[in-house]
N, C-alpha and C. Protein backbone atom coordinates (compact mmCIF):
# COMPACT_ATOMS: atom_id res chain seq x y z
N UNK A 1 -50.19 251.74 118.99
CA UNK A 1 -51.12 250.90 118.24
C UNK A 1 -52.18 251.83 117.64
N UNK A 2 -52.37 251.74 116.32
CA UNK A 2 -53.36 252.61 115.70
C UNK A 2 -54.77 252.08 115.96
N UNK A 3 -55.75 252.92 115.69
CA UNK A 3 -57.13 252.59 116.02
C UNK A 3 -57.64 251.34 115.30
N UNK A 4 -57.30 251.19 114.02
CA UNK A 4 -57.75 250.02 113.26
C UNK A 4 -57.16 248.73 113.84
N UNK A 5 -55.87 248.77 114.15
CA UNK A 5 -55.21 247.60 114.73
C UNK A 5 -55.82 247.26 116.08
N UNK A 6 -56.09 248.28 116.86
CA UNK A 6 -56.70 248.08 118.18
C UNK A 6 -58.08 247.45 118.04
N UNK A 7 -58.88 247.93 117.11
CA UNK A 7 -60.21 247.36 116.88
C UNK A 7 -60.11 245.90 116.43
N UNK A 8 -59.16 245.61 115.56
CA UNK A 8 -58.96 244.24 115.10
C UNK A 8 -58.54 243.34 116.27
N UNK A 9 -57.65 243.83 117.11
CA UNK A 9 -57.19 243.05 118.27
C UNK A 9 -58.34 242.76 119.21
N UNK A 10 -59.08 243.79 119.59
CA UNK A 10 -60.18 243.58 120.53
C UNK A 10 -61.30 242.76 119.90
N UNK A 11 -61.52 242.92 118.59
CA UNK A 11 -62.50 242.09 117.91
C UNK A 11 -62.13 240.62 117.96
N UNK A 12 -60.85 240.34 117.75
CA UNK A 12 -60.38 238.95 117.80
C UNK A 12 -60.53 238.38 119.21
N UNK A 13 -60.28 239.20 120.21
CA UNK A 13 -60.36 238.73 121.60
C UNK A 13 -61.78 238.71 122.14
N UNK A 14 -62.74 239.23 121.38
CA UNK A 14 -64.11 239.30 121.88
C UNK A 14 -64.81 237.95 121.90
N UNK A 15 -64.28 236.98 121.19
CA UNK A 15 -64.87 235.64 121.20
C UNK A 15 -64.28 234.84 122.36
N UNK A 16 -65.11 234.19 123.17
CA UNK A 16 -64.60 233.46 124.34
C UNK A 16 -63.60 232.36 123.99
N UNK A 17 -63.80 231.68 122.89
CA UNK A 17 -62.87 230.61 122.52
C UNK A 17 -61.52 231.21 122.12
N UNK A 18 -61.55 232.28 121.34
CA UNK A 18 -60.27 232.90 120.94
C UNK A 18 -59.55 233.48 122.15
N UNK A 19 -60.28 234.09 123.06
CA UNK A 19 -59.66 234.61 124.28
C UNK A 19 -59.03 233.47 125.08
N UNK A 20 -59.73 232.36 125.17
CA UNK A 20 -59.22 231.19 125.88
C UNK A 20 -57.97 230.64 125.20
N UNK A 21 -57.96 230.63 123.88
CA UNK A 21 -56.78 230.17 123.14
C UNK A 21 -55.58 231.06 123.45
N UNK A 22 -55.79 232.36 123.44
CA UNK A 22 -54.70 233.30 123.75
C UNK A 22 -54.20 233.07 125.17
N UNK A 23 -55.11 232.86 126.12
CA UNK A 23 -54.70 232.60 127.50
C UNK A 23 -53.90 231.31 127.61
N UNK A 24 -54.33 230.27 126.89
CA UNK A 24 -53.60 229.00 126.92
C UNK A 24 -52.22 229.15 126.32
N UNK A 25 -52.10 229.88 125.22
CA UNK A 25 -50.79 230.10 124.61
C UNK A 25 -49.89 230.94 125.53
N UNK A 26 -50.48 231.88 126.25
CA UNK A 26 -49.70 232.70 127.18
C UNK A 26 -49.14 231.83 128.31
N UNK A 27 -49.92 230.89 128.78
CA UNK A 27 -49.48 230.00 129.86
C UNK A 27 -48.58 228.87 129.38
N UNK A 28 -48.93 228.28 128.22
CA UNK A 28 -48.27 227.06 127.80
C UNK A 28 -47.22 227.21 126.73
N UNK A 29 -47.05 228.38 126.20
CA UNK A 29 -46.07 228.56 125.13
C UNK A 29 -46.58 228.01 123.81
N UNK A 30 -45.67 227.69 122.94
CA UNK A 30 -46.02 227.22 121.59
C UNK A 30 -46.76 225.89 121.66
N UNK A 31 -47.81 225.75 120.82
CA UNK A 31 -48.63 224.54 120.79
C UNK A 31 -49.02 224.21 119.36
N UNK A 32 -49.26 222.94 119.12
CA UNK A 32 -49.80 222.54 117.83
C UNK A 32 -51.29 222.87 117.79
N UNK A 33 -51.83 222.92 116.58
CA UNK A 33 -53.26 223.18 116.44
C UNK A 33 -54.08 222.09 117.14
N UNK A 34 -53.63 220.85 117.06
CA UNK A 34 -54.33 219.75 117.74
C UNK A 34 -54.33 219.91 119.24
N UNK A 35 -53.18 220.32 119.81
CA UNK A 35 -53.13 220.56 121.25
C UNK A 35 -54.03 221.72 121.65
N UNK A 36 -54.07 222.74 120.83
CA UNK A 36 -54.94 223.89 121.11
C UNK A 36 -56.39 223.45 121.10
N UNK A 37 -56.75 222.59 120.14
CA UNK A 37 -58.14 222.17 119.97
C UNK A 37 -58.63 221.21 121.04
N UNK A 38 -57.73 220.50 121.70
CA UNK A 38 -58.12 219.38 122.57
C UNK A 38 -59.19 219.69 123.63
N UNK A 39 -59.18 220.83 124.32
CA UNK A 39 -60.21 221.01 125.36
C UNK A 39 -61.56 221.52 124.85
N UNK A 40 -61.67 221.82 123.57
CA UNK A 40 -62.89 222.44 123.05
C UNK A 40 -63.77 221.41 122.35
N UNK A 41 -65.05 221.56 122.53
CA UNK A 41 -66.02 220.65 121.90
C UNK A 41 -66.48 221.20 120.56
N UNK A 42 -65.51 221.62 119.75
CA UNK A 42 -65.82 222.11 118.40
C UNK A 42 -64.86 221.42 117.43
N UNK A 43 -65.17 221.50 116.17
CA UNK A 43 -64.40 220.78 115.15
C UNK A 43 -63.01 221.42 114.95
N UNK A 44 -62.11 220.64 114.38
CA UNK A 44 -60.78 221.16 114.05
C UNK A 44 -60.86 222.30 113.02
N UNK A 45 -61.75 222.20 112.00
CA UNK A 45 -61.87 223.35 111.09
C UNK A 45 -62.33 224.63 111.81
N UNK A 46 -63.18 224.49 112.82
CA UNK A 46 -63.62 225.67 113.57
C UNK A 46 -62.45 226.27 114.35
N UNK A 47 -61.64 225.40 114.97
CA UNK A 47 -60.44 225.88 115.68
C UNK A 47 -59.50 226.56 114.69
N UNK A 48 -59.36 225.99 113.51
CA UNK A 48 -58.50 226.57 112.49
C UNK A 48 -58.98 227.97 112.11
N UNK A 49 -60.30 228.15 112.00
CA UNK A 49 -60.84 229.48 111.69
C UNK A 49 -60.54 230.47 112.82
N UNK A 50 -60.69 230.01 114.07
CA UNK A 50 -60.37 230.88 115.21
C UNK A 50 -58.88 231.26 115.19
N UNK A 51 -58.03 230.30 114.91
CA UNK A 51 -56.60 230.59 114.84
C UNK A 51 -56.29 231.56 113.70
N UNK A 52 -57.01 231.43 112.59
CA UNK A 52 -56.83 232.36 111.47
C UNK A 52 -57.19 233.78 111.86
N UNK A 53 -58.27 233.94 112.61
CA UNK A 53 -58.66 235.28 113.08
C UNK A 53 -57.57 235.85 113.98
N UNK A 54 -57.07 235.03 114.90
CA UNK A 54 -56.02 235.49 115.81
C UNK A 54 -54.73 235.82 115.06
N UNK A 55 -54.43 235.04 114.04
CA UNK A 55 -53.23 235.29 113.24
C UNK A 55 -53.37 236.58 112.44
N UNK A 56 -54.52 236.78 111.80
CA UNK A 56 -54.74 238.01 111.02
C UNK A 56 -54.71 239.25 111.92
N UNK A 57 -55.13 239.08 113.17
CA UNK A 57 -55.10 240.20 114.13
C UNK A 57 -53.69 240.44 114.66
N UNK A 58 -52.76 239.54 114.33
CA UNK A 58 -51.39 239.70 114.77
C UNK A 58 -51.13 239.22 116.18
N UNK A 59 -52.09 238.51 116.77
CA UNK A 59 -51.94 238.04 118.14
C UNK A 59 -51.15 236.74 118.25
N UNK A 60 -51.23 235.92 117.22
CA UNK A 60 -50.46 234.67 117.21
C UNK A 60 -49.72 234.57 115.89
N UNK A 61 -48.69 233.76 115.90
CA UNK A 61 -48.00 233.47 114.65
C UNK A 61 -47.88 231.97 114.50
N UNK A 62 -47.85 231.54 113.25
CA UNK A 62 -47.83 230.13 112.90
C UNK A 62 -46.48 229.78 112.30
N UNK A 63 -46.03 228.59 112.62
CA UNK A 63 -44.86 228.06 111.92
C UNK A 63 -45.15 226.61 111.60
N UNK A 64 -44.59 226.17 110.51
CA UNK A 64 -44.79 224.79 110.07
C UNK A 64 -43.59 223.97 110.52
N UNK A 65 -43.87 222.90 111.24
CA UNK A 65 -42.85 221.99 111.73
C UNK A 65 -43.17 220.62 111.14
N UNK A 66 -42.54 220.32 109.99
CA UNK A 66 -42.86 219.14 109.19
C UNK A 66 -44.35 219.15 108.87
N UNK A 67 -45.11 218.21 109.40
CA UNK A 67 -46.55 218.19 109.06
C UNK A 67 -47.41 218.92 110.09
N UNK A 68 -46.81 219.44 111.14
CA UNK A 68 -47.56 220.11 112.21
C UNK A 68 -47.57 221.62 112.01
N UNK A 69 -48.66 222.21 112.37
CA UNK A 69 -48.76 223.66 112.42
C UNK A 69 -48.68 224.03 113.89
N UNK A 70 -47.70 224.85 114.22
CA UNK A 70 -47.50 225.24 115.60
C UNK A 70 -47.78 226.73 115.73
N UNK A 71 -48.37 227.11 116.85
CA UNK A 71 -48.76 228.49 117.08
C UNK A 71 -48.15 228.99 118.38
N UNK A 72 -47.81 230.27 118.36
CA UNK A 72 -47.33 230.90 119.58
C UNK A 72 -47.91 232.30 119.67
N UNK A 73 -48.01 232.77 120.88
CA UNK A 73 -48.51 234.11 121.14
C UNK A 73 -47.45 235.12 120.74
N UNK A 74 -47.89 236.23 120.18
CA UNK A 74 -46.98 237.35 119.88
C UNK A 74 -47.10 238.36 121.02
N UNK A 75 -46.20 238.30 122.00
CA UNK A 75 -46.32 239.15 123.19
C UNK A 75 -46.38 240.64 122.87
N UNK A 76 -45.69 241.07 121.80
CA UNK A 76 -45.72 242.49 121.47
C UNK A 76 -47.12 242.97 121.10
N UNK A 77 -47.92 242.11 120.47
CA UNK A 77 -49.30 242.49 120.12
C UNK A 77 -50.16 242.60 121.37
N UNK A 78 -50.00 241.67 122.28
CA UNK A 78 -50.75 241.72 123.53
C UNK A 78 -50.26 242.91 124.36
N UNK A 79 -48.97 243.18 124.32
CA UNK A 79 -48.41 244.32 125.05
C UNK A 79 -48.97 245.64 124.57
N UNK A 80 -49.21 245.77 123.28
CA UNK A 80 -49.78 247.02 122.74
C UNK A 80 -51.19 247.24 123.28
N UNK A 81 -51.98 246.17 123.36
CA UNK A 81 -53.33 246.28 123.94
C UNK A 81 -53.23 246.64 125.42
N UNK A 82 -52.28 246.04 126.10
CA UNK A 82 -52.06 246.35 127.52
C UNK A 82 -51.72 247.83 127.70
N UNK A 83 -50.85 248.35 126.84
CA UNK A 83 -50.49 249.76 126.91
C UNK A 83 -51.71 250.66 126.75
N UNK A 84 -52.60 250.29 125.84
CA UNK A 84 -53.82 251.07 125.62
C UNK A 84 -54.66 251.08 126.90
N UNK A 85 -54.80 249.90 127.52
CA UNK A 85 -55.56 249.81 128.77
C UNK A 85 -54.92 250.65 129.86
N UNK A 86 -53.62 250.63 129.94
CA UNK A 86 -52.91 251.39 130.98
C UNK A 86 -53.14 252.89 130.82
N UNK A 87 -53.14 253.39 129.58
CA UNK A 87 -53.42 254.80 129.34
C UNK A 87 -54.81 255.16 129.84
N UNK A 88 -55.78 254.33 129.53
CA UNK A 88 -57.14 254.61 129.93
C UNK A 88 -57.36 254.39 131.42
N UNK A 89 -56.66 253.44 132.00
CA UNK A 89 -56.76 253.23 133.44
C UNK A 89 -56.26 254.47 134.16
N UNK A 90 -55.14 255.02 133.73
CA UNK A 90 -54.59 256.22 134.36
C UNK A 90 -55.58 257.39 134.24
N UNK A 91 -56.20 257.53 133.08
CA UNK A 91 -57.19 258.60 132.90
C UNK A 91 -58.35 258.44 133.87
N UNK A 92 -58.92 257.23 133.95
CA UNK A 92 -60.09 257.02 134.80
C UNK A 92 -59.74 257.11 136.28
N UNK A 93 -58.58 256.63 136.68
CA UNK A 93 -58.18 256.76 138.08
C UNK A 93 -58.05 258.23 138.45
N UNK A 94 -57.45 259.02 137.57
CA UNK A 94 -57.35 260.46 137.82
C UNK A 94 -58.71 261.11 137.90
N UNK A 95 -59.63 260.71 137.03
CA UNK A 95 -60.99 261.26 137.04
C UNK A 95 -61.71 260.90 138.33
N UNK A 96 -61.56 259.67 138.77
CA UNK A 96 -62.22 259.25 140.01
C UNK A 96 -61.61 259.96 141.22
N UNK A 97 -60.31 260.20 141.19
CA UNK A 97 -59.66 260.94 142.28
C UNK A 97 -60.19 262.37 142.34
N UNK A 98 -60.33 263.00 141.16
CA UNK A 98 -60.87 264.37 141.13
C UNK A 98 -62.32 264.38 141.61
N UNK A 99 -63.10 263.39 141.23
CA UNK A 99 -64.49 263.30 141.68
C UNK A 99 -64.55 263.13 143.19
N UNK A 100 -63.70 262.29 143.75
CA UNK A 100 -63.68 262.09 145.20
C UNK A 100 -63.34 263.39 145.92
N UNK A 101 -62.42 264.17 145.36
CA UNK A 101 -62.05 265.46 145.96
C UNK A 101 -63.25 266.40 145.96
N UNK A 102 -63.95 266.48 144.84
CA UNK A 102 -65.12 267.35 144.74
C UNK A 102 -66.19 266.91 145.73
N UNK A 103 -66.45 265.62 145.82
CA UNK A 103 -67.47 265.12 146.75
C UNK A 103 -67.09 265.39 148.20
N UNK A 104 -65.82 265.27 148.51
CA UNK A 104 -65.36 265.57 149.87
C UNK A 104 -65.55 267.05 150.17
N UNK A 105 -65.23 267.91 149.20
CA UNK A 105 -65.43 269.35 149.40
C UNK A 105 -66.89 269.68 149.59
N UNK A 106 -67.77 269.07 148.83
CA UNK A 106 -69.22 269.30 148.97
C UNK A 106 -69.68 268.85 150.34
N UNK A 107 -69.22 267.70 150.76
CA UNK A 107 -69.61 267.15 152.06
C UNK A 107 -69.10 268.04 153.18
N UNK A 108 -67.92 268.60 153.05
CA UNK A 108 -67.34 269.48 154.07
C UNK A 108 -68.10 270.80 154.14
N UNK A 109 -68.51 271.32 152.98
CA UNK A 109 -69.25 272.59 152.93
C UNK A 109 -70.68 272.44 153.42
N UNK A 110 -71.26 271.27 153.31
CA UNK A 110 -72.66 271.02 153.68
C UNK A 110 -72.77 269.78 154.58
N UNK A 111 -72.25 269.84 155.80
CA UNK A 111 -72.21 268.64 156.64
C UNK A 111 -73.59 268.13 157.05
N UNK A 112 -74.61 268.97 157.08
CA UNK A 112 -75.93 268.54 157.55
C UNK A 112 -76.79 267.92 156.46
N UNK A 113 -76.44 268.07 155.21
CA UNK A 113 -77.26 267.57 154.11
C UNK A 113 -76.98 266.16 153.81
């Protein structure tokens, strides 16, 4: 995932409603815009704007089923963000392990301090 795509993905997920929509789609599969909107106390046009942001970020895709607009999560887009987190998790875990080793060595060399 390139840097621009990653920024767009995280920007789209930075809004609590959009993050909640993605979580609902991950759990519930494909949903209509009306079903997506039902638990939120905001207007349908506002939900539509949130869905547009998620769609432009590549996190969801839309299909038209007669008069209904149905949305589903694009797992490959979420997977790319997951991969980015995994790379950084591995880096930080290694850094913390090295720090723990250094601190243990310091403590062993200076037991009275």
